[in-house]
Amino acid sequence: MIKTFLIQPFWIPSESMLPTIEVNDRVMVNKLAYQWGEPERGDVVVFRDPREGDMEESVPEAVIRSVLEAVGIRTRGHDDLIKRVVGLPGETIEVLRNRVVVDGVPLDEPYLPEVFMPDEPPITLGTNEVFVMGDNRNASFDSRRFGPIPLDDLIGEAFVTIWPPSHIGGL
């Protein structure tokens, strides 16, 4: 019940959120965060991979997935994704000279290492969409490639790293 409705551990298999979250870290995700509230710029969110359709699985596959989800080794889909919210509903986002620009104003992102990003044309978000990017902008498959994320596809907000012990801390 807790995993289904409240909080759930997620395993991070990629480098897309370095240095904030390292490969093989486990994070806890508040699944209620966006049931009663809206995402804010800077939130680290888990969401359904936009390339993945609805899952069809047998009963044994569902049982195995549930056990692996409970310990944070697997998520709902093969590749639920984790990124940082940089654009909110209705805003216009673009990348210019290695900076994310929101409605014409460069975004201050002190959590980022030095990045080199190609310029991206402006995109205006719909009223129910967010724009997400990994902190490791040079190695992140994010909204620059798959577009904005519908709010309904947000699973929750990652709020703490729980594994390994040397990485325990808030996000």
N, C-alpha and C. Protein backbone atom coordinates (compact mmCIF):
# COMPACT_ATOMS: atom_id res chain seq x y z
N MET A 1 0.82 -1.20 0.00
CA MET A 1 0.00 0.00 0.00
C MET A 1 0.87 1.27 0.00
N ILE A 2 1.93 1.27 0.84
CA ILE A 2 2.78 2.46 0.92
C ILE A 2 3.43 2.72 -0.42
N LYS A 3 4.00 1.66 -1.05
CA LYS A 3 4.68 1.80 -2.34
C LYS A 3 3.71 2.26 -3.43
N THR A 4 2.51 1.77 -3.38
CA THR A 4 1.54 2.10 -4.41
C THR A 4 1.07 3.55 -4.33
N PHE A 5 0.86 4.05 -3.11
CA PHE A 5 0.20 5.35 -2.97
C PHE A 5 1.05 6.46 -2.35
N LEU A 6 2.06 6.12 -1.56
CA LEU A 6 2.76 7.17 -0.80
C LEU A 6 4.18 7.42 -1.26
N ILE A 7 5.09 6.51 -0.95
CA ILE A 7 6.48 6.66 -1.33
C ILE A 7 7.01 5.36 -1.90
N GLN A 8 8.02 5.47 -2.74
CA GLN A 8 8.59 4.29 -3.38
C GLN A 8 10.06 4.53 -3.67
N PRO A 9 10.90 3.52 -3.43
CA PRO A 9 12.30 3.66 -3.82
C PRO A 9 12.45 3.45 -5.33
N PHE A 10 13.38 4.18 -5.93
CA PHE A 10 13.69 4.01 -7.35
C PHE A 10 15.19 3.87 -7.50
N TRP A 11 15.59 2.97 -8.36
CA TRP A 11 16.99 2.73 -8.68
C TRP A 11 17.37 3.62 -9.86
N ILE A 12 18.53 4.26 -9.80
CA ILE A 12 18.98 5.17 -10.85
C ILE A 12 20.09 4.48 -11.65
N PRO A 13 19.81 4.04 -12.88
CA PRO A 13 20.79 3.28 -13.65
C PRO A 13 21.69 4.10 -14.57
N SER A 14 21.44 5.42 -14.67
CA SER A 14 22.16 6.18 -15.68
C SER A 14 22.92 7.36 -15.08
N GLU A 15 23.70 8.02 -15.95
CA GLU A 15 24.51 9.18 -15.55
C GLU A 15 23.78 10.50 -15.76
N SER A 16 22.53 10.48 -16.13
CA SER A 16 21.86 11.70 -16.55
C SER A 16 21.67 12.74 -15.45
N MET A 17 21.74 12.35 -14.17
CA MET A 17 21.55 13.31 -13.08
C MET A 17 22.83 13.60 -12.31
N LEU A 18 23.98 13.17 -12.84
CA LEU A 18 25.26 13.49 -12.19
C LEU A 18 25.44 14.99 -12.15
N PRO A 19 25.99 15.58 -11.17
CA PRO A 19 26.54 15.01 -9.95
C PRO A 19 25.52 14.88 -8.82
N THR A 20 24.27 15.31 -9.03
CA THR A 20 23.26 15.28 -7.97
C THR A 20 22.95 13.86 -7.53
N ILE A 21 22.73 12.97 -8.49
CA ILE A 21 22.43 11.56 -8.22
C ILE A 21 23.39 10.73 -9.04
N GLU A 22 24.06 9.79 -8.38
CA GLU A 22 25.05 8.97 -9.06
C GLU A 22 24.46 7.66 -9.56
N VAL A 23 25.16 7.04 -10.51
CA VAL A 23 24.74 5.75 -11.06
C VAL A 23 24.62 4.74 -9.93
N ASN A 24 23.52 3.99 -9.93
CA ASN A 24 23.19 2.95 -8.95
C ASN A 24 22.72 3.47 -7.60
N ASP A 25 22.52 4.79 -7.45
CA ASP A 25 21.90 5.30 -6.24
C ASP A 25 20.45 4.85 -6.19
N ARG A 26 19.89 4.84 -4.99
CA ARG A 26 18.46 4.61 -4.79
C ARG A 26 17.90 5.89 -4.19
N VAL A 27 16.78 6.35 -4.72
CA VAL A 27 16.12 7.55 -4.20
C VAL A 27 14.70 7.19 -3.78
N MET A 28 14.18 7.94 -2.83
CA MET A 28 12.78 7.78 -2.43
C MET A 28 11.97 8.84 -3.15
N VAL A 29 10.81 8.42 -3.63
CA VAL A 29 9.93 9.30 -4.40
C VAL A 29 8.59 9.44 -3.69
N ASN A 30 8.20 10.69 -3.46
CA ASN A 30 6.91 11.02 -2.87
C ASN A 30 5.86 10.99 -3.98
N LYS A 31 5.02 9.97 -3.96
CA LYS A 31 4.03 9.80 -5.03
C LYS A 31 2.80 10.69 -4.84
N LEU A 32 2.69 11.34 -3.68
CA LEU A 32 1.57 12.25 -3.45
C LEU A 32 1.89 13.70 -3.81
N ALA A 33 3.16 13.98 -4.10
CA ALA A 33 3.61 15.36 -4.30
C ALA A 33 2.75 16.12 -5.30
N TYR A 34 2.32 15.47 -6.36
CA TYR A 34 1.59 16.19 -7.41
C TYR A 34 0.11 15.80 -7.46
N GLN A 35 -0.35 15.07 -6.45
CA GLN A 35 -1.78 14.79 -6.36
C GLN A 35 -2.52 16.03 -5.88
N TRP A 36 -1.85 16.80 -4.98
CA TRP A 36 -2.48 18.00 -4.41
C TRP A 36 -1.68 19.26 -4.68
N GLY A 37 -0.53 19.11 -5.28
CA GLY A 37 0.29 20.29 -5.54
C GLY A 37 0.81 20.27 -6.97
N GLU A 38 1.45 21.34 -7.34
CA GLU A 38 2.00 21.47 -8.68
C GLU A 38 3.52 21.36 -8.62
N PRO A 39 4.14 20.86 -9.69
CA PRO A 39 5.61 20.84 -9.70
C PRO A 39 6.16 22.25 -9.69
N GLU A 40 7.34 22.39 -9.09
CA GLU A 40 8.03 23.67 -9.06
C GLU A 40 9.35 23.54 -9.79
N ARG A 41 9.83 24.64 -10.30
CA ARG A 41 11.12 24.64 -10.98
C ARG A 41 12.19 24.14 -10.00
N GLY A 42 13.00 23.22 -10.46
CA GLY A 42 14.05 22.66 -9.61
C GLY A 42 13.68 21.32 -9.00
N ASP A 43 12.40 20.96 -8.99
CA ASP A 43 12.02 19.65 -8.47
C ASP A 43 12.69 18.55 -9.27
N VAL A 44 13.12 17.50 -8.59
CA VAL A 44 13.64 16.30 -9.25
C VAL A 44 12.47 15.33 -9.30
N VAL A 45 12.04 14.97 -10.52
CA VAL A 45 10.83 14.19 -10.69
C VAL A 45 11.10 12.86 -11.41
N VAL A 46 10.27 11.88 -11.06
CA VAL A 46 10.25 10.60 -11.77
C VAL A 46 8.98 10.61 -12.60
N PHE A 47 9.09 10.16 -13.84
CA PHE A 47 7.95 10.17 -14.75
C PHE A 47 8.03 9.00 -15.71
N ARG A 48 6.90 8.71 -16.32
CA ARG A 48 6.83 7.62 -17.30
C ARG A 48 7.62 8.00 -18.54
N ASP A 49 8.42 7.06 -19.02
CA ASP A 49 9.18 7.27 -20.26
C ASP A 49 8.18 7.52 -21.38
N PRO A 50 8.27 8.67 -22.06
CA PRO A 50 7.30 8.98 -23.11
C PRO A 50 7.35 8.01 -24.29
N ARG A 51 8.41 7.25 -24.41
CA ARG A 51 8.52 6.28 -25.52
C ARG A 51 7.86 4.96 -25.18
N GLU A 52 7.47 4.77 -23.93
CA GLU A 52 6.96 3.48 -23.46
C GLU A 52 5.45 3.50 -23.42
N GLY A 53 4.82 2.52 -24.03
CA GLY A 53 3.37 2.41 -23.99
C GLY A 53 2.92 1.74 -22.71
N ASP A 54 1.64 1.41 -22.63
CA ASP A 54 1.13 0.70 -21.47
C ASP A 54 1.75 -0.69 -21.43
N MET A 55 2.07 -1.13 -20.21
CA MET A 55 2.69 -2.43 -20.03
C MET A 55 1.64 -3.52 -20.03
N GLU A 56 1.95 -4.61 -20.69
CA GLU A 56 1.14 -5.82 -20.58
C GLU A 56 2.04 -6.88 -19.99
N GLU A 57 1.59 -7.51 -18.89
CA GLU A 57 2.41 -8.50 -18.24
C GLU A 57 1.55 -9.59 -17.65
N SER A 58 2.14 -10.77 -17.52
CA SER A 58 1.44 -11.90 -16.92
C SER A 58 1.42 -11.73 -15.40
N VAL A 59 0.66 -12.57 -14.71
CA VAL A 59 0.60 -12.51 -13.25
C VAL A 59 1.98 -12.77 -12.64
N PRO A 60 2.72 -13.81 -13.08
CA PRO A 60 4.06 -14.00 -12.51
C PRO A 60 5.00 -12.81 -12.76
N GLU A 61 4.92 -12.20 -13.94
CA GLU A 61 5.74 -11.02 -14.24
C GLU A 61 5.38 -9.86 -13.31
N ALA A 62 4.07 -9.69 -13.06
CA ALA A 62 3.62 -8.61 -12.18
C ALA A 62 4.11 -8.82 -10.75
N VAL A 63 4.10 -10.08 -10.28
CA VAL A 63 4.57 -10.38 -8.92
C VAL A 63 6.06 -10.09 -8.81
N ILE A 64 6.84 -10.53 -9.78
CA ILE A 64 8.28 -10.29 -9.77
C ILE A 64 8.57 -8.79 -9.81
N ARG A 65 7.87 -8.07 -10.70
CA ARG A 65 8.05 -6.62 -10.79
C ARG A 65 7.74 -5.95 -9.46
N SER A 66 6.65 -6.34 -8.81
CA SER A 66 6.26 -5.73 -7.53
C SER A 66 7.31 -5.94 -6.45
N VAL A 67 7.88 -7.14 -6.40
CA VAL A 67 8.93 -7.41 -5.41
C VAL A 67 10.15 -6.55 -5.70
N LEU A 68 10.56 -6.48 -6.98
CA LEU A 68 11.73 -5.67 -7.35
C LEU A 68 11.48 -4.18 -7.13
N GLU A 69 10.24 -3.72 -7.35
CA GLU A 69 9.90 -2.32 -7.09
C GLU A 69 9.99 -2.02 -5.60
N ALA A 70 9.57 -2.96 -4.77
CA ALA A 70 9.54 -2.74 -3.33
C ALA A 70 10.93 -2.46 -2.76
N VAL A 71 11.95 -3.01 -3.38
CA VAL A 71 13.32 -2.78 -2.88
C VAL A 71 14.08 -1.78 -3.74
N GLY A 72 13.41 -1.18 -4.71
CA GLY A 72 14.03 -0.12 -5.49
C GLY A 72 14.95 -0.60 -6.59
N ILE A 73 14.82 -1.85 -7.00
CA ILE A 73 15.67 -2.38 -8.07
C ILE A 73 15.04 -2.18 -9.43
N ARG A 74 13.74 -2.14 -9.48
CA ARG A 74 13.04 -1.95 -10.75
C ARG A 74 11.89 -0.99 -10.53
N THR A 75 11.46 -0.34 -11.60
CA THR A 75 10.32 0.57 -11.53
C THR A 75 9.19 0.00 -12.38
N ARG A 76 8.09 0.74 -12.42
CA ARG A 76 6.90 0.30 -13.13
C ARG A 76 7.20 -0.15 -14.55
N GLY A 77 7.92 0.68 -15.25
CA GLY A 77 8.26 0.35 -16.62
C GLY A 77 9.70 -0.07 -16.69
N HIS A 78 10.17 -0.34 -17.87
CA HIS A 78 11.56 -0.71 -18.02
C HIS A 78 12.46 0.48 -17.73
N ASP A 79 11.99 1.67 -18.06
CA ASP A 79 12.84 2.86 -17.92
C ASP A 79 12.05 4.09 -17.52
N ASP A 80 11.39 4.05 -16.35
CA ASP A 80 10.86 5.31 -15.86
C ASP A 80 12.06 6.22 -15.73
N LEU A 81 11.87 7.50 -15.95
CA LEU A 81 13.00 8.42 -16.00
C LEU A 81 12.98 9.39 -14.82
N ILE A 82 14.15 9.94 -14.51
CA ILE A 82 14.28 10.94 -13.46
C ILE A 82 15.03 12.13 -14.03
N LYS A 83 14.47 13.32 -13.85
CA LYS A 83 15.06 14.55 -14.37
C LYS A 83 14.67 15.71 -13.45
N ARG A 84 15.16 16.89 -13.76
CA ARG A 84 14.85 18.10 -13.00
C ARG A 84 13.88 18.96 -13.82
N VAL A 85 12.86 19.52 -13.17
CA VAL A 85 11.92 20.42 -13.83
C VAL A 85 12.62 21.77 -14.05
N VAL A 86 12.68 22.20 -15.32
CA VAL A 86 13.26 23.51 -15.62
C VAL A 86 12.22 24.45 -16.24
N GLY A 87 11.14 23.90 -16.76
CA GLY A 87 10.10 24.73 -17.36
C GLY A 87 8.73 24.34 -16.85
N LEU A 88 7.92 25.33 -16.54
CA LEU A 88 6.58 25.12 -15.98
C LEU A 88 5.49 25.42 -17.02
N PRO A 89 4.26 24.96 -16.76
CA PRO A 89 3.18 25.17 -17.71
C PRO A 89 3.08 26.62 -18.18
N GLY A 90 2.95 26.77 -19.52
CA GLY A 90 2.77 28.08 -20.14
C GLY A 90 4.05 28.85 -20.43
N GLU A 91 5.19 28.39 -19.94
CA GLU A 91 6.44 29.11 -20.16
C GLU A 91 7.05 28.76 -21.52
N THR A 92 7.92 29.64 -22.00
CA THR A 92 8.68 29.38 -23.23
C THR A 92 10.13 29.10 -22.82
N ILE A 93 10.62 27.96 -23.27
CA ILE A 93 11.95 27.48 -22.90
C ILE A 93 12.81 27.42 -24.15
N GLU A 94 14.09 27.83 -24.01
CA GLU A 94 15.05 27.65 -25.08
C GLU A 94 16.44 27.51 -24.46
N VAL A 95 17.38 27.02 -25.26
CA VAL A 95 18.77 26.92 -24.81
C VAL A 95 19.59 27.83 -25.70
N LEU A 96 20.29 28.78 -25.05
CA LEU A 96 21.14 29.73 -25.76
C LEU A 96 22.48 29.84 -25.04
N ARG A 97 23.55 29.68 -25.80
CA ARG A 97 24.90 29.84 -25.25
C ARG A 97 25.10 29.09 -23.94
N ASN A 98 24.73 27.80 -23.95
CA ASN A 98 24.92 26.90 -22.81
C ASN A 98 24.06 27.24 -21.59
N ARG A 99 23.01 28.01 -21.77
CA ARG A 99 22.11 28.36 -20.66
C ARG A 99 20.68 28.06 -21.06
N VAL A 100 19.90 27.60 -20.08
CA VAL A 100 18.46 27.46 -20.26
C VAL A 100 17.86 28.84 -20.04
N VAL A 101 17.01 29.25 -20.97
CA VAL A 101 16.38 30.56 -20.91
C VAL A 101 14.87 30.34 -20.80
N VAL A 102 14.27 30.94 -19.77
CA VAL A 102 12.84 30.81 -19.50
C VAL A 102 12.18 32.16 -19.70
N ASP A 103 11.28 32.24 -20.67
CA ASP A 103 10.59 33.51 -20.97
C ASP A 103 11.59 34.66 -21.11
N GLY A 104 12.71 34.38 -21.78
CA GLY A 104 13.70 35.41 -22.07
C GLY A 104 14.72 35.67 -20.98
N VAL A 105 14.60 35.00 -19.84
CA VAL A 105 15.51 35.23 -18.71
C VAL A 105 16.35 33.97 -18.48
N PRO A 106 17.69 34.09 -18.47
CA PRO A 106 18.54 32.92 -18.20
C PRO A 106 18.25 32.34 -16.81
N LEU A 107 18.15 31.03 -16.76
CA LEU A 107 17.85 30.32 -15.51
C LEU A 107 19.12 30.16 -14.68
N ASP A 108 19.05 30.49 -13.40
CA ASP A 108 20.17 30.28 -12.48
C ASP A 108 20.11 28.84 -12.00
N GLU A 109 21.16 28.05 -12.31
CA GLU A 109 21.19 26.64 -11.93
C GLU A 109 22.49 26.30 -11.21
N PRO A 110 22.59 26.67 -9.93
CA PRO A 110 23.84 26.48 -9.19
C PRO A 110 24.21 25.02 -8.96
N TYR A 111 23.28 24.09 -9.14
CA TYR A 111 23.53 22.66 -8.93
C TYR A 111 24.25 22.02 -10.11
N LEU A 112 24.40 22.75 -11.23
CA LEU A 112 25.00 22.18 -12.44
C LEU A 112 26.52 22.30 -12.47
N PRO A 113 27.16 21.25 -13.01
CA PRO A 113 28.58 21.41 -13.34
C PRO A 113 28.65 22.24 -14.63
N GLU A 114 29.83 22.52 -15.10
CA GLU A 114 29.95 23.25 -16.37
C GLU A 114 29.35 22.39 -17.48
N VAL A 115 28.52 23.00 -18.31
CA VAL A 115 27.86 22.25 -19.38
C VAL A 115 28.09 22.91 -20.73
N PHE A 116 28.01 22.08 -21.75
CA PHE A 116 28.11 22.56 -23.13
C PHE A 116 26.90 22.01 -23.87
N MET A 117 25.96 22.88 -24.18
CA MET A 117 24.72 22.47 -24.84
C MET A 117 24.57 23.22 -26.15
N PRO A 118 24.17 22.51 -27.18
CA PRO A 118 23.86 23.24 -28.41
C PRO A 118 22.61 24.09 -28.21
N ASP A 119 22.53 25.18 -28.94
CA ASP A 119 21.33 26.01 -28.87
C ASP A 119 20.12 25.19 -29.31
N GLU A 120 19.01 25.44 -28.65
CA GLU A 120 17.73 24.79 -28.97
C GLU A 120 16.70 25.87 -29.23
N PRO A 121 15.85 25.68 -30.23
CA PRO A 121 14.83 26.70 -30.51
C PRO A 121 13.79 26.79 -29.39
N PRO A 122 13.11 27.91 -29.29
CA PRO A 122 12.10 28.07 -28.24
C PRO A 122 10.96 27.09 -28.40
N ILE A 123 10.44 26.64 -27.27
CA ILE A 123 9.25 25.81 -27.24
C ILE A 123 8.35 26.35 -26.13
N THR A 124 7.08 26.56 -26.44
CA THR A 124 6.12 27.04 -25.45
C THR A 124 5.35 25.85 -24.91
N LEU A 125 5.36 25.72 -23.59
CA LEU A 125 4.70 24.59 -22.94
C LEU A 125 3.20 24.82 -22.85
N GLY A 126 2.46 23.71 -22.93
CA GLY A 126 1.02 23.77 -22.75
C GLY A 126 0.67 23.98 -21.28
N THR A 127 -0.60 24.13 -21.00
CA THR A 127 -1.04 24.41 -19.63
C THR A 127 -0.89 23.22 -18.69
N ASN A 128 -0.66 22.03 -19.24
CA ASN A 128 -0.50 20.83 -18.42
C ASN A 128 0.80 20.12 -18.72
N GLU A 129 1.87 20.88 -19.00
CA GLU A 129 3.15 20.28 -19.36
C GLU A 129 4.30 20.92 -18.59
N VAL A 130 5.36 20.12 -18.38
CA VAL A 130 6.62 20.63 -17.83
C VAL A 130 7.75 20.22 -18.77
N PHE A 131 8.84 20.97 -18.69
CA PHE A 131 10.04 20.69 -19.46
C PHE A 131 11.08 20.21 -18.46
N VAL A 132 11.66 19.03 -18.74
CA VAL A 132 12.61 18.43 -17.80
C VAL A 132 13.96 18.21 -18.47
N MET A 133 15.02 18.35 -17.66
CA MET A 133 16.38 18.11 -18.15
C MET A 133 17.18 17.43 -17.06
N GLY A 134 18.11 16.56 -17.47
CA GLY A 134 19.03 15.96 -16.51
C GLY A 134 20.08 16.97 -16.09
N ASP A 135 20.64 16.81 -14.90
CA ASP A 135 21.70 17.71 -14.45
C ASP A 135 22.98 17.50 -15.25
N ASN A 136 23.19 16.31 -15.76
CA ASN A 136 24.34 16.02 -16.62
C ASN A 136 23.89 16.29 -18.05
N ARG A 137 23.77 17.56 -18.39
CA ARG A 137 23.18 17.98 -19.67
C ARG A 137 23.88 17.39 -20.88
N ASN A 138 25.15 17.04 -20.74
CA ASN A 138 25.89 16.48 -21.89
C ASN A 138 25.55 15.02 -22.13
N ALA A 139 24.90 14.35 -21.17
CA ALA A 139 24.59 12.92 -21.30
C ALA A 139 23.20 12.63 -20.79
N SER A 140 22.25 13.45 -21.17
CA SER A 140 20.89 13.27 -20.67
C SER A 140 19.89 13.21 -21.83
N PHE A 141 19.09 12.16 -21.84
CA PHE A 141 17.98 12.02 -22.76
C PHE A 141 16.79 12.68 -22.06
N ASP A 142 16.40 13.86 -22.51
CA ASP A 142 15.41 14.63 -21.77
C ASP A 142 14.45 15.36 -22.72
N SER A 143 13.75 16.38 -22.23
CA SER A 143 12.74 17.08 -23.02
C SER A 143 13.29 17.72 -24.29
N ARG A 144 14.59 17.92 -24.35
CA ARG A 144 15.18 18.43 -25.60
C ARG A 144 15.02 17.41 -26.71
N ARG A 145 14.86 16.15 -26.38
CA ARG A 145 14.71 15.10 -27.39
C ARG A 145 13.29 14.55 -27.49
N PHE A 146 12.62 14.37 -26.36
CA PHE A 146 11.28 13.77 -26.41
C PHE A 146 10.16 14.76 -26.15
N GLY A 147 10.48 16.02 -25.90
CA GLY A 147 9.45 17.04 -25.73
C GLY A 147 8.97 17.17 -24.29
N PRO A 148 8.00 18.04 -24.10
CA PRO A 148 7.46 18.27 -22.75
C PRO A 148 6.80 17.02 -22.18
N ILE A 149 6.69 16.97 -20.87
CA ILE A 149 6.06 15.85 -20.16
C ILE A 149 4.69 16.31 -19.67
N PRO A 150 3.63 15.54 -19.98
CA PRO A 150 2.31 15.87 -19.43
C PRO A 150 2.34 15.70 -17.90
N LEU A 151 1.68 16.59 -17.18
CA LEU A 151 1.62 16.50 -15.73
C LEU A 151 1.09 15.14 -15.28
N ASP A 152 0.18 14.56 -16.03
CA ASP A 152 -0.39 13.25 -15.68
C ASP A 152 0.64 12.13 -15.72
N ASP A 153 1.77 12.34 -16.40
CA ASP A 153 2.80 11.31 -16.48
C ASP A 153 3.82 11.39 -15.35
N LEU A 154 3.70 12.41 -14.49
CA LEU A 154 4.60 12.50 -13.35
C LEU A 154 4.22 11.45 -12.31
N ILE A 155 5.18 10.65 -11.88
CA ILE A 155 4.94 9.64 -10.86
C ILE A 155 5.11 10.25 -9.48
N GLY A 156 6.09 11.13 -9.33
CA GLY A 156 6.29 11.78 -8.04
C GLY A 156 7.59 12.56 -8.00
N GLU A 157 7.86 13.13 -6.83
CA GLU A 157 9.06 13.94 -6.62
C GLU A 157 10.08 13.16 -5.80
N ALA A 158 11.29 13.03 -6.34
CA ALA A 158 12.38 12.42 -5.59
C ALA A 158 12.84 13.42 -4.54
N PHE A 159 12.98 12.96 -3.28
CA PHE A 159 13.31 13.91 -2.22
C PHE A 159 14.53 13.52 -1.39
N VAL A 160 15.00 12.27 -1.49
CA VAL A 160 16.15 11.86 -0.69
C VAL A 160 16.85 10.68 -1.36
N THR A 161 18.18 10.66 -1.26
CA THR A 161 18.95 9.50 -1.68
C THR A 161 19.08 8.60 -0.46
N ILE A 162 18.77 7.30 -0.61
CA ILE A 162 18.80 6.39 0.53
C ILE A 162 19.88 5.31 0.41
N TRP A 163 20.52 5.18 -0.75
CA TRP A 163 21.54 4.16 -0.93
C TRP A 163 22.50 4.59 -2.00
N PRO A 164 23.76 4.34 -1.86
CA PRO A 164 24.46 3.71 -0.75
C PRO A 164 24.55 4.66 0.44
N PRO A 165 24.90 4.12 1.61
CA PRO A 165 24.96 4.94 2.83
C PRO A 165 25.81 6.20 2.70
N SER A 166 26.87 6.13 1.91
CA SER A 166 27.74 7.31 1.75
C SER A 166 27.07 8.44 0.97
N HIS A 167 25.93 8.15 0.30
CA HIS A 167 25.24 9.16 -0.50
C HIS A 167 23.93 9.64 0.15
N ILE A 168 23.59 9.14 1.32
CA ILE A 168 22.33 9.49 1.96
C ILE A 168 22.24 11.00 2.15
N GLY A 169 21.12 11.56 1.71
CA GLY A 169 20.91 12.99 1.88
C GLY A 169 19.77 13.49 1.03
N GLY A 170 19.32 14.68 1.31
CA GLY A 170 18.21 15.29 0.59
C GLY A 170 18.61 15.74 -0.81
N LEU A 171 17.61 15.85 -1.66
CA LEU A 171 17.84 16.30 -3.04
C LEU A 171 17.37 17.74 -3.19
